[in-house]
């Protein structure tokens, strides 16, 4: 797996943890281009709290339902903002993605 995908996976692992009355799990596809964090509350329906695709050298954040936004955590981990697309906020997704 390339460095960008490794960084995304490593950062997203921090979002997969036990929360107040819930548990979150990191999942990814076989080639490491699609990552999700699924949150499973004790008394309500499960939901996707993070949905991210890594296409080439771009990180496309499709959904982020967290207090600490993934974009900030990725920048702290050394990913340049130019490589991050906030699709959930209406930023245009590159055609190759």
PDB file of N, CA and C in Angstrom:
ATOM      1  N   UNK A   1       0.858  -1.184   0.000  1.00  0.00           N
ATOM      2  CA  UNK A   1       0.000   0.000   0.000  1.00  0.00           C
ATOM      3  C   UNK A   1       0.895   1.235   0.000  1.00  0.00           C
ATOM      4  N   UNK A   2       0.500   2.249  -0.777  1.00  0.00           N
ATOM      5  CA  UNK A   2       1.332   3.445  -0.855  1.00  0.00           C
ATOM      6  C   UNK A   2       1.211   4.290   0.410  1.00  0.00           C
ATOM      7  N   UNK A   3       2.098   5.257   0.514  1.00  0.00           N
ATOM      8  CA  UNK A   3       2.193   6.082   1.719  1.00  0.00           C
ATOM      9  C   UNK A   3       0.911   6.856   2.015  1.00  0.00           C
ATOM     10  N   UNK A   4       0.271   7.423   0.990  1.00  0.00           N
ATOM     11  CA  UNK A   4      -0.953   8.192   1.224  1.00  0.00           C
ATOM     12  C   UNK A   4      -2.046   7.295   1.800  1.00  0.00           C
ATOM     13  N   UNK A   5      -2.246   6.138   1.210  1.00  0.00           N
ATOM     14  CA  UNK A   5      -3.258   5.212   1.736  1.00  0.00           C
ATOM     15  C   UNK A   5      -2.901   4.742   3.144  1.00  0.00           C
ATOM     16  N   UNK A   6      -1.625   4.505   3.394  1.00  0.00           N
ATOM     17  CA  UNK A   6      -1.191   4.106   4.739  1.00  0.00           C
ATOM     18  C   UNK A   6      -1.479   5.215   5.747  1.00  0.00           C
ATOM     19  N   UNK A   7      -1.232   6.453   5.366  1.00  0.00           N
ATOM     20  CA  UNK A   7      -1.502   7.584   6.256  1.00  0.00           C
ATOM     21  C   UNK A   7      -2.993   7.705   6.534  1.00  0.00           C
ATOM     22  N   UNK A   8      -3.817   7.614   5.488  1.00  0.00           N
ATOM     23  CA  UNK A   8      -5.271   7.697   5.674  1.00  0.00           C
ATOM     24  C   UNK A   8      -5.737   6.589   6.611  1.00  0.00           C
ATOM     25  N   UNK A   9      -5.281   5.366   6.376  1.00  0.00           N
ATOM     26  CA  UNK A   9      -5.687   4.247   7.229  1.00  0.00           C
ATOM     27  C   UNK A   9      -5.263   4.478   8.678  1.00  0.00           C
ATOM     28  N   UNK A  10      -4.032   4.901   8.866  1.00  0.00           N
ATOM     29  CA  UNK A  10      -3.517   5.136  10.214  1.00  0.00           C
ATOM     30  C   UNK A  10      -4.319   6.219  10.946  1.00  0.00           C
ATOM     31  N   UNK A  11      -4.599   7.322  10.263  1.00  0.00           N
ATOM     32  CA  UNK A  11      -5.363   8.407  10.878  1.00  0.00           C
ATOM     33  C   UNK A  11      -6.789   7.948  11.189  1.00  0.00           C
ATOM     34  N   UNK A  12      -7.398   7.226  10.256  1.00  0.00           N
ATOM     35  CA  UNK A  12      -8.775   6.778  10.464  1.00  0.00           C
ATOM     36  C   UNK A  12      -8.892   5.739  11.577  1.00  0.00           C
ATOM     37  N   UNK A  13      -7.823   5.009  11.858  1.00  0.00           N
ATOM     38  CA  UNK A  13      -7.843   4.067  12.981  1.00  0.00           C
ATOM     39  C   UNK A  13      -8.172   4.784  14.288  1.00  0.00           C
ATOM     40  N   UNK A  14      -7.771   6.045  14.389  1.00  0.00           N
ATOM     41  CA  UNK A  14      -8.064   6.836  15.587  1.00  0.00           C
ATOM     42  C   UNK A  14      -9.544   7.133  15.765  1.00  0.00           C
ATOM     43  N   UNK A  15     -10.322   6.998  14.711  1.00  0.00           N
ATOM     44  CA  UNK A  15     -11.767   7.234  14.783  1.00  0.00           C
ATOM     45  C   UNK A  15     -12.535   5.946  15.089  1.00  0.00           C
ATOM     46  N   UNK A  16     -11.867   4.815  15.008  1.00  0.00           N
ATOM     47  CA  UNK A  16     -12.500   3.523  15.266  1.00  0.00           C
ATOM     48  C   UNK A  16     -12.209   3.126  16.711  1.00  0.00           C
ATOM     49  N   UNK A  17     -13.142   3.469  17.581  1.00  0.00           N
ATOM     50  CA  UNK A  17     -12.917   3.232  19.012  1.00  0.00           C
ATOM     51  C   UNK A  17     -14.250   3.137  19.738  1.00  0.00           C
ATOM     52  N   UNK A  18     -14.167   2.862  21.003  1.00  0.00           N
ATOM     53  CA  UNK A  18     -15.366   2.839  21.837  1.00  0.00           C
ATOM     54  C   UNK A  18     -15.717   4.264  22.204  1.00  0.00           C
ATOM     55  N   UNK A  19     -16.975   4.593  22.036  1.00  0.00           N
ATOM     56  CA  UNK A  19     -17.468   5.910  22.406  1.00  0.00           C
ATOM     57  C   UNK A  19     -18.499   5.771  23.510  1.00  0.00           C
ATOM     58  N   UNK A  20     -19.173   6.848  23.789  1.00  0.00           N
ATOM     59  CA  UNK A  20     -20.223   6.829  24.792  1.00  0.00           C
ATOM     60  C   UNK A  20     -21.409   6.039  24.234  1.00  0.00           C
ATOM     61  N   UNK A  21     -21.659   4.866  24.768  1.00  0.00           N
ATOM     62  CA  UNK A  21     -22.750   3.980  24.333  1.00  0.00           C
ATOM     63  C   UNK A  21     -22.664   3.558  22.872  1.00  0.00           C
ATOM     64  N   UNK A  22     -21.440   3.456  22.333  1.00  0.00           N
ATOM     65  CA  UNK A  22     -21.289   3.014  20.951  1.00  0.00           C
ATOM     66  C   UNK A  22     -19.897   2.429  20.740  1.00  0.00           C
ATOM     67  N   UNK A  23     -19.734   1.811  19.600  1.00  0.00           N
ATOM     68  CA  UNK A  23     -18.432   1.280  19.177  1.00  0.00           C
ATOM     69  C   UNK A  23     -18.295   1.553  17.687  1.00  0.00           C
ATOM     70  N   UNK A  24     -17.132   2.029  17.268  1.00  0.00           N
ATOM     71  CA  UNK A  24     -16.890   2.302  15.856  1.00  0.00           C
ATOM     72  C   UNK A  24     -15.830   1.344  15.327  1.00  0.00           C
ATOM     73  N   UNK A  25     -15.989   0.967  14.043  1.00  0.00           N
ATOM     74  CA  UNK A  25     -15.111  -0.016  13.419  1.00  0.00           C
ATOM     75  C   UNK A  25     -14.599   0.521  12.090  1.00  0.00           C
ATOM     76  N   UNK A  26     -13.287   0.381  11.858  1.00  0.00           N
ATOM     77  CA  UNK A  26     -12.690   0.764  10.588  1.00  0.00           C
ATOM     78  C   UNK A  26     -12.789  -0.409   9.623  1.00  0.00           C
ATOM     79  N   UNK A  27     -13.228  -0.126   8.408  1.00  0.00           N
ATOM     80  CA  UNK A  27     -13.308  -1.149   7.366  1.00  0.00           C
ATOM     81  C   UNK A  27     -12.689  -0.572   6.099  1.00  0.00           C
ATOM     82  N   UNK A  28     -12.156  -1.466   5.250  1.00  0.00           N
ATOM     83  CA  UNK A  28     -11.595  -1.016   3.982  1.00  0.00           C
ATOM     84  C   UNK A  28     -11.777  -2.100   2.933  1.00  0.00           C
ATOM     85  N   UNK A  29     -11.728  -1.698   1.662  1.00  0.00           N
ATOM     86  CA  UNK A  29     -11.805  -2.684   0.593  1.00  0.00           C
ATOM     87  C   UNK A  29     -10.437  -3.334   0.397  1.00  0.00           C
ATOM     88  N   UNK A  30     -10.378  -4.329  -0.477  1.00  0.00           N
ATOM     89  CA  UNK A  30      -9.157  -5.115  -0.653  1.00  0.00           C
ATOM     90  C   UNK A  30      -7.968  -4.304  -1.139  1.00  0.00           C
ATOM     91  N   UNK A  31      -8.192  -3.347  -2.032  1.00  0.00           N
ATOM     92  CA  UNK A  31      -7.050  -2.607  -2.565  1.00  0.00           C
ATOM     93  C   UNK A  31      -6.730  -1.325  -1.791  1.00  0.00           C
ATOM     94  N   UNK A  32      -7.433  -1.084  -0.689  1.00  0.00           N
ATOM     95  CA  UNK A  32      -7.114   0.058   0.160  1.00  0.00           C
ATOM     96  C   UNK A  32      -7.433   1.403  -0.449  1.00  0.00           C
ATOM     97  N   UNK A  33      -8.474   1.448  -1.296  1.00  0.00           N
ATOM     98  CA  UNK A  33      -8.875   2.725  -1.877  1.00  0.00           C
ATOM     99  C   UNK A  33     -10.182   3.247  -1.301  1.00  0.00           C
ATOM    100  N   UNK A  34     -10.848   2.450  -0.489  1.00  0.00           N
ATOM    101  CA  UNK A  34     -12.105   2.850   0.133  1.00  0.00           C
ATOM    102  C   UNK A  34     -12.057   2.491   1.610  1.00  0.00           C
ATOM    103  N   UNK A  35     -12.269   3.495   2.458  1.00  0.00           N
ATOM    104  CA  UNK A  35     -12.239   3.303   3.906  1.00  0.00           C
ATOM    105  C   UNK A  35     -13.543   3.826   4.502  1.00  0.00           C
ATOM    106  N   UNK A  36     -14.069   3.110   5.478  1.00  0.00           N
ATOM    107  CA  UNK A  36     -15.248   3.584   6.200  1.00  0.00           C
ATOM    108  C   UNK A  36     -15.047   3.355   7.699  1.00  0.00           C
ATOM    109  N   UNK A  37     -15.684   4.198   8.461  1.00  0.00           N
ATOM    110  CA  UNK A  37     -15.824   3.953   9.894  1.00  0.00           C
ATOM    111  C   UNK A  37     -17.320   3.816  10.133  1.00  0.00           C
ATOM    112  N   UNK A  38     -17.698   2.649  10.618  1.00  0.00           N
ATOM    113  CA  UNK A  38     -19.093   2.341  10.915  1.00  0.00           C
ATOM    114  C   UNK A  38     -19.278   2.479  12.425  1.00  0.00           C
ATOM    115  N   UNK A  39     -20.266   3.261  12.830  1.00  0.00           N
ATOM    116  CA  UNK A  39     -20.557   3.442  14.251  1.00  0.00           C
ATOM    117  C   UNK A  39     -21.801   2.642  14.598  1.00  0.00           C
ATOM    118  N   UNK A  40     -21.672   1.829  15.654  1.00  0.00           N
ATOM    119  CA  UNK A  40     -22.756   0.955  16.093  1.00  0.00           C
ATOM    120  C   UNK A  40     -23.154   1.374  17.514  1.00  0.00           C
ATOM    121  N   UNK A  41     -24.218   2.178  17.633  1.00  0.00           N
ATOM    122  CA  UNK A  41     -24.704   2.569  18.962  1.00  0.00           C
ATOM    123  C   UNK A  41     -25.397   1.384  19.647  1.00  0.00           C
ATOM    124  N   UNK A  42     -25.463   1.435  20.952  1.00  0.00           N
ATOM    125  CA  UNK A  42     -26.107   0.349  21.708  1.00  0.00           C
ATOM    126  C   UNK A  42     -27.608   0.303  21.475  1.00  0.00           C
ATOM    127  N   UNK A  43     -28.261   1.455  21.323  1.00  0.00           N
ATOM    128  CA  UNK A  43     -29.724   1.465  21.296  1.00  0.00           C
ATOM    129  C   UNK A  43     -30.337   2.141  20.078  1.00  0.00           C
ATOM    130  N   UNK A  44     -29.571   2.324  19.015  1.00  0.00           N
ATOM    131  CA  UNK A  44     -30.151   2.926  17.812  1.00  0.00           C
ATOM    132  C   UNK A  44     -29.473   2.326  16.580  1.00  0.00           C
ATOM    133  N   UNK A  45     -29.848   2.794  15.423  1.00  0.00           N
ATOM    134  CA  UNK A  45     -29.342   2.241  14.169  1.00  0.00           C
ATOM    135  C   UNK A  45     -27.874   2.597  13.930  1.00  0.00           C
ATOM    136  N   UNK A  46     -27.171   1.691  13.308  1.00  0.00           N
ATOM    137  CA  UNK A  46     -25.782   1.924  12.920  1.00  0.00           C
ATOM    138  C   UNK A  46     -25.723   2.944  11.789  1.00  0.00           C
ATOM    139  N   UNK A  47     -24.567   3.585  11.649  1.00  0.00           N
ATOM    140  CA  UNK A  47     -24.405   4.561  10.574  1.00  0.00           C
ATOM    141  C   UNK A  47     -22.939   4.680  10.183  1.00  0.00           C
ATOM    142  N   UNK A  48     -22.718   5.205   8.982  1.00  0.00           N
ATOM    143  CA  UNK A  48     -21.362   5.474   8.498  1.00  0.00           C
ATOM    144  C   UNK A  48     -20.977   6.863   8.984  1.00  0.00           C
ATOM    145  N   UNK A  49     -19.949   6.915   9.836  1.00  0.00           N
ATOM    146  CA  UNK A  49     -19.519   8.218  10.337  1.00  0.00           C
ATOM    147  C   UNK A  49     -18.407   8.821   9.479  1.00  0.00           C
ATOM    148  N   UNK A  50     -17.666   7.982   8.763  1.00  0.00           N
ATOM    149  CA  UNK A  50     -16.640   8.444   7.826  1.00  0.00           C
ATOM    150  C   UNK A  50     -16.677   7.579   6.571  1.00  0.00           C
ATOM    151  N   UNK A  51     -16.562   8.217   5.422  1.00  0.00           N
ATOM    152  CA  UNK A  51     -16.463   7.507   4.152  1.00  0.00           C
ATOM    153  C   UNK A  51     -15.427   8.240   3.307  1.00  0.00           C
ATOM    154  N   UNK A  52     -14.354   7.534   2.968  1.00  0.00           N
ATOM    155  CA  UNK A  52     -13.219   8.156   2.301  1.00  0.00           C
ATOM    156  C   UNK A  52     -12.743   7.270   1.153  1.00  0.00           C
ATOM    157  N   UNK A  53     -12.428   7.908   0.022  1.00  0.00           N
ATOM    158  CA  UNK A  53     -11.804   7.208  -1.098  1.00  0.00           C
ATOM    159  C   UNK A  53     -10.421   7.814  -1.332  1.00  0.00           C
ATOM    160  N   UNK A  54      -9.464   6.970  -1.683  1.00  0.00           N
ATOM    161  CA  UNK A  54      -8.136   7.440  -2.079  1.00  0.00           C
ATOM    162  C   UNK A  54      -7.961   7.038  -3.533  1.00  0.00           C
ATOM    163  N   UNK A  55      -7.904   8.051  -4.387  1.00  0.00           N
ATOM    164  CA  UNK A  55      -7.768   7.826  -5.818  1.00  0.00           C
ATOM    165  C   UNK A  55      -6.514   8.561  -6.277  1.00  0.00           C
ATOM    166  N   UNK A  56      -5.536   7.805  -6.737  1.00  0.00           N
ATOM    167  CA  UNK A  56      -4.260   8.418  -7.112  1.00  0.00           C
ATOM    168  C   UNK A  56      -3.656   9.102  -5.903  1.00  0.00           C
ATOM    169  N   UNK A  57      -3.399  10.384  -6.032  1.00  0.00           N
ATOM    170  CA  UNK A  57      -2.832  11.159  -4.922  1.00  0.00           C
ATOM    171  C   UNK A  57      -3.851  12.120  -4.316  1.00  0.00           C
ATOM    172  N   UNK A  58      -5.127  11.753  -4.398  1.00  0.00           N
ATOM    173  CA  UNK A  58      -6.195  12.567  -3.807  1.00  0.00           C
ATOM    174  C   UNK A  58      -6.946  11.757  -2.758  1.00  0.00           C
ATOM    175  N   UNK A  59      -7.291  12.416  -1.663  1.00  0.00           N
ATOM    176  CA  UNK A  59      -8.130  11.846  -0.613  1.00  0.00           C
ATOM    177  C   UNK A  59      -9.487  12.517  -0.743  1.00  0.00           C
ATOM    178  N   UNK A  60     -10.501  11.743  -1.071  1.00  0.00           N
ATOM    179  CA  UNK A  60     -11.841  12.285  -1.253  1.00  0.00           C
ATOM    180  C   UNK A  60     -12.677  11.902  -0.041  1.00  0.00           C
ATOM    181  N   UNK A  61     -13.031  12.892   0.761  1.00  0.00           N
ATOM    182  CA  UNK A  61     -13.843  12.642   1.954  1.00  0.00           C
ATOM    183  C   UNK A  61     -15.298  12.849   1.553  1.00  0.00           C
ATOM    184  N   UNK A  62     -16.025  11.738   1.485  1.00  0.00           N
ATOM    185  CA  UNK A  62     -17.425  11.758   1.066  1.00  0.00           C
ATOM    186  C   UNK A  62     -18.360  12.102   2.232  1.00  0.00           C
ATOM    187  N   UNK A  63     -17.998  11.653   3.428  1.00  0.00           N
ATOM    188  CA  UNK A  63     -18.849  11.870   4.605  1.00  0.00           C
ATOM    189  C   UNK A  63     -17.955  11.962   5.830  1.00  0.00           C
ATOM    190  N   UNK A  64     -18.258  12.907   6.715  1.00  0.00           N
ATOM    191  CA  UNK A  64     -17.535  13.050   7.979  1.00  0.00           C
ATOM    192  C   UNK A  64     -18.523  13.566   9.027  1.00  0.00           C
ATOM    193  N   UNK A  65     -18.869  12.712   9.962  1.00  0.00           N
ATOM    194  CA  UNK A  65     -19.850  13.031  11.005  1.00  0.00           C
ATOM    195  C   UNK A  65     -19.197  13.100  12.384  1.00  0.00           C
ATOM    196  N   UNK A  66     -17.993  13.633  12.461  1.00  0.00           N
ATOM    197  CA  UNK A  66     -17.218  13.629  13.694  1.00  0.00           C
ATOM    198  C   UNK A  66     -16.973  15.036  14.211  1.00  0.00           C
ATOM    199  N   UNK A  67     -16.750  15.141  15.509  1.00  0.00           N
ATOM    200  CA  UNK A  67     -16.429  16.433  16.112  1.00  0.00           C
ATOM    201  C   UNK A  67     -15.064  16.930  15.622  1.00  0.00           C
ATOM    202  N   UNK A  68     -14.076  16.028  15.629  1.00  0.00           N
ATOM    203  CA  UNK A  68     -12.766  16.382  15.068  1.00  0.00           C
ATOM    204  C   UNK A  68     -12.788  15.949  13.608  1.00  0.00           C
ATOM    205  N   UNK A  69     -12.798  16.921  12.727  1.00  0.00           N
ATOM    206  CA  UNK A  69     -12.922  16.647  11.301  1.00  0.00           C
ATOM    207  C   UNK A  69     -11.673  15.925  10.783  1.00  0.00           C
ATOM    208  N   UNK A  70     -11.909  14.947   9.913  1.00  0.00           N
ATOM    209  CA  UNK A  70     -10.814  14.162   9.352  1.00  0.00           C
ATOM    210  C   UNK A  70      -9.828  15.040   8.583  1.00  0.00           C
ATOM    211  N   UNK A  71     -10.310  16.047   7.883  1.00  0.00           N
ATOM    212  CA  UNK A  71      -9.407  16.925   7.127  1.00  0.00           C
ATOM    213  C   UNK A  71      -8.342  17.507   8.047  1.00  0.00           C
ATOM    214  N   UNK A  72      -8.716  17.923   9.242  1.00  0.00           N
ATOM    215  CA  UNK A  72      -7.753  18.496  10.188  1.00  0.00           C
ATOM    216  C   UNK A  72      -6.751  17.445  10.663  1.00  0.00           C
ATOM    217  N   UNK A  73      -7.240  16.238  10.930  1.00  0.00           N
ATOM    218  CA  UNK A  73      -6.353  15.161  11.382  1.00  0.00           C
ATOM    219  C   UNK A  73      -5.378  14.761  10.279  1.00  0.00           C
ATOM    220  N   UNK A  74      -5.841  14.738   9.028  1.00  0.00           N
ATOM    221  CA  UNK A  74      -4.953  14.401   7.914  1.00  0.00           C
ATOM    222  C   UNK A  74      -3.873  15.462   7.722  1.00  0.00           C
ATOM    223  N   UNK A  75      -4.253  16.730   7.834  1.00  0.00           N
ATOM    224  CA  UNK A  75      -3.274  17.811   7.708  1.00  0.00           C
ATOM    225  C   UNK A  75      -2.241  17.708   8.830  1.00  0.00           C
ATOM    226  N   UNK A  76      -2.697  17.416  10.043  1.00  0.00           N
ATOM    227  CA  UNK A  76      -1.767  17.223  11.169  1.00  0.00           C
ATOM    228  C   UNK A  76      -0.806  16.071  10.902  1.00  0.00           C
ATOM    229  N   UNK A  77      -1.269  15.061  10.158  1.00  0.00           N
ATOM    230  CA  UNK A  77      -0.438  13.896   9.848  1.00  0.00           C
ATOM    231  C   UNK A  77       0.471  14.128   8.645  1.00  0.00           C
ATOM    232  N   UNK A  78       0.400  15.327   8.040  1.00  0.00           N
ATOM    233  CA  UNK A  78       1.310  15.670   6.968  1.00  0.00           C
ATOM    234  C   UNK A  78       0.743  15.619   5.561  1.00  0.00           C
ATOM    235  N   UNK A  79      -0.551  15.366   5.411  1.00  0.00           N
ATOM    236  CA  UNK A  79      -1.175  15.376   4.082  1.00  0.00           C
ATOM    237  C   UNK A  79      -1.490  16.824   3.728  1.00  0.00           C
ATOM    238  N   UNK A  80      -1.035  17.272   2.573  1.00  0.00           N
ATOM    239  CA  UNK A  80      -1.285  18.669   2.196  1.00  0.00           C
ATOM    240  C   UNK A  80      -2.765  18.863   1.863  1.00  0.00           C
ATOM    241  N   UNK A  81      -3.268  20.035   2.173  1.00  0.00           N
ATOM    242  CA  UNK A  81      -4.691  20.347   1.938  1.00  0.00           C
ATOM    243  C   UNK A  81      -5.039  20.220   0.459  1.00  0.00           C
ATOM    244  N   UNK A  82      -4.078  20.468  -0.416  1.00  0.00           N
ATOM    245  CA  UNK A  82      -4.307  20.373  -1.854  1.00  0.00           C
ATOM    246  C   UNK A  82      -4.638  18.951  -2.301  1.00  0.00           C
ATOM    247  N   UNK A  83      -4.270  17.959  -1.503  1.00  0.00           N
ATOM    248  CA  UNK A  83      -4.545  16.556  -1.834  1.00  0.00           C
ATOM    249  C   UNK A  83      -5.889  16.080  -1.275  1.00  0.00           C
ATOM    250  N   UNK A  84      -6.593  16.937  -0.551  1.00  0.00           N
ATOM    251  CA  UNK A  84      -7.830  16.546   0.116  1.00  0.00           C
ATOM    252  C   UNK A  84      -9.019  17.232  -0.545  1.00  0.00           C
ATOM    253  N   UNK A  85     -10.031  16.441  -0.888  1.00  0.00           N
ATOM    254  CA  UNK A  85     -11.256  16.963  -1.483  1.00  0.00           C
ATOM    255  C   UNK A  85     -12.398  16.716  -0.507  1.00  0.00           C
ATOM    256  N   UNK A  86     -13.078  17.770  -0.104  1.00  0.00           N
ATOM    257  CA  UNK A  86     -14.229  17.648   0.794  1.00  0.00           C
ATOM    258  C   UNK A  86     -15.494  17.553  -0.056  1.00  0.00           C
ATOM    259  N   UNK A  87     -15.754  16.364  -0.562  1.00  0.00           N
ATOM    260  CA  UNK A  87     -16.916  16.147  -1.423  1.00  0.00           C
ATOM    261  C   UNK A  87     -18.210  16.459  -0.677  1.00  0.00           C
ATOM    262  N   UNK A  88     -18.253  16.157   0.624  1.00  0.00           N
ATOM    263  CA  UNK A  88     -19.454  16.425   1.419  1.00  0.00           C
ATOM    264  C   UNK A  88     -19.759  17.913   1.529  1.00  0.00           C
ATOM    265  N   UNK A  89     -18.748  18.750   1.310  1.00  0.00           N
ATOM    266  CA  UNK A  89     -18.926  20.201   1.385  1.00  0.00           C
ATOM    267  C   UNK A  89     -19.090  20.823   0.001  1.00  0.00           C
ATOM    268  N   UNK A  90     -19.213  19.977  -1.022  1.00  0.00           N
ATOM    269  CA  UNK A  90     -19.446  20.480  -2.366  1.00  0.00           C
ATOM    270  C   UNK A  90     -18.198  20.764  -3.187  1.00  0.00           C
ATOM    271  N   UNK A  91     -17.015  20.452  -2.648  1.00  0.00           N
ATOM    272  CA  UNK A  91     -15.805  20.641  -3.450  1.00  0.00           C
ATOM    273  C   UNK A  91     -15.842  19.673  -4.629  1.00  0.00           C
ATOM    274  N   UNK A  92     -15.417  20.130  -5.808  1.00  0.00           N
ATOM    275  CA  UNK A  92     -15.491  19.259  -6.991  1.00  0.00           C
ATOM    276  C   UNK A  92     -14.542  18.068  -6.887  1.00  0.00           C
ATOM    277  N   UNK A  93     -15.068  16.912  -7.226  1.00  0.00           N
ATOM    278  CA  UNK A  93     -14.268  15.680  -7.233  1.00  0.00           C
ATOM    279  C   UNK A  93     -13.628  15.567  -8.618  1.00  0.00           C
ATOM    280  N   UNK A  94     -12.318  15.316  -8.655  1.00  0.00           N
ATOM    281  CA  UNK A  94     -11.646  15.194  -9.958  1.00  0.00           C
ATOM    282  C   UNK A  94     -12.292  14.121 -10.826  1.00  0.00           C
ATOM    283  N   UNK A  95     -12.287  14.311 -12.139  1.00  0.00           N
ATOM    284  CA  UNK A  95     -12.899  13.374 -13.078  1.00  0.00           C
ATOM    285  C   UNK A  95     -12.333  11.964 -12.953  1.00  0.00           C
ATOM    286  N   UNK A  96     -11.041  11.841 -12.680  1.00  0.00           N
ATOM    287  CA  UNK A  96     -10.426  10.515 -12.584  1.00  0.00           C
ATOM    288  C   UNK A  96     -10.823   9.781 -11.321  1.00  0.00           C
ATOM    289  N   UNK A  97     -11.505  10.468 -10.425  1.00  0.00           N
ATOM    290  CA  UNK A  97     -11.943   9.837  -9.180  1.00  0.00           C
ATOM    291  C   UNK A  97     -13.321   9.281  -9.413  1.00  0.00           C
TER     292      UNK A  97
END
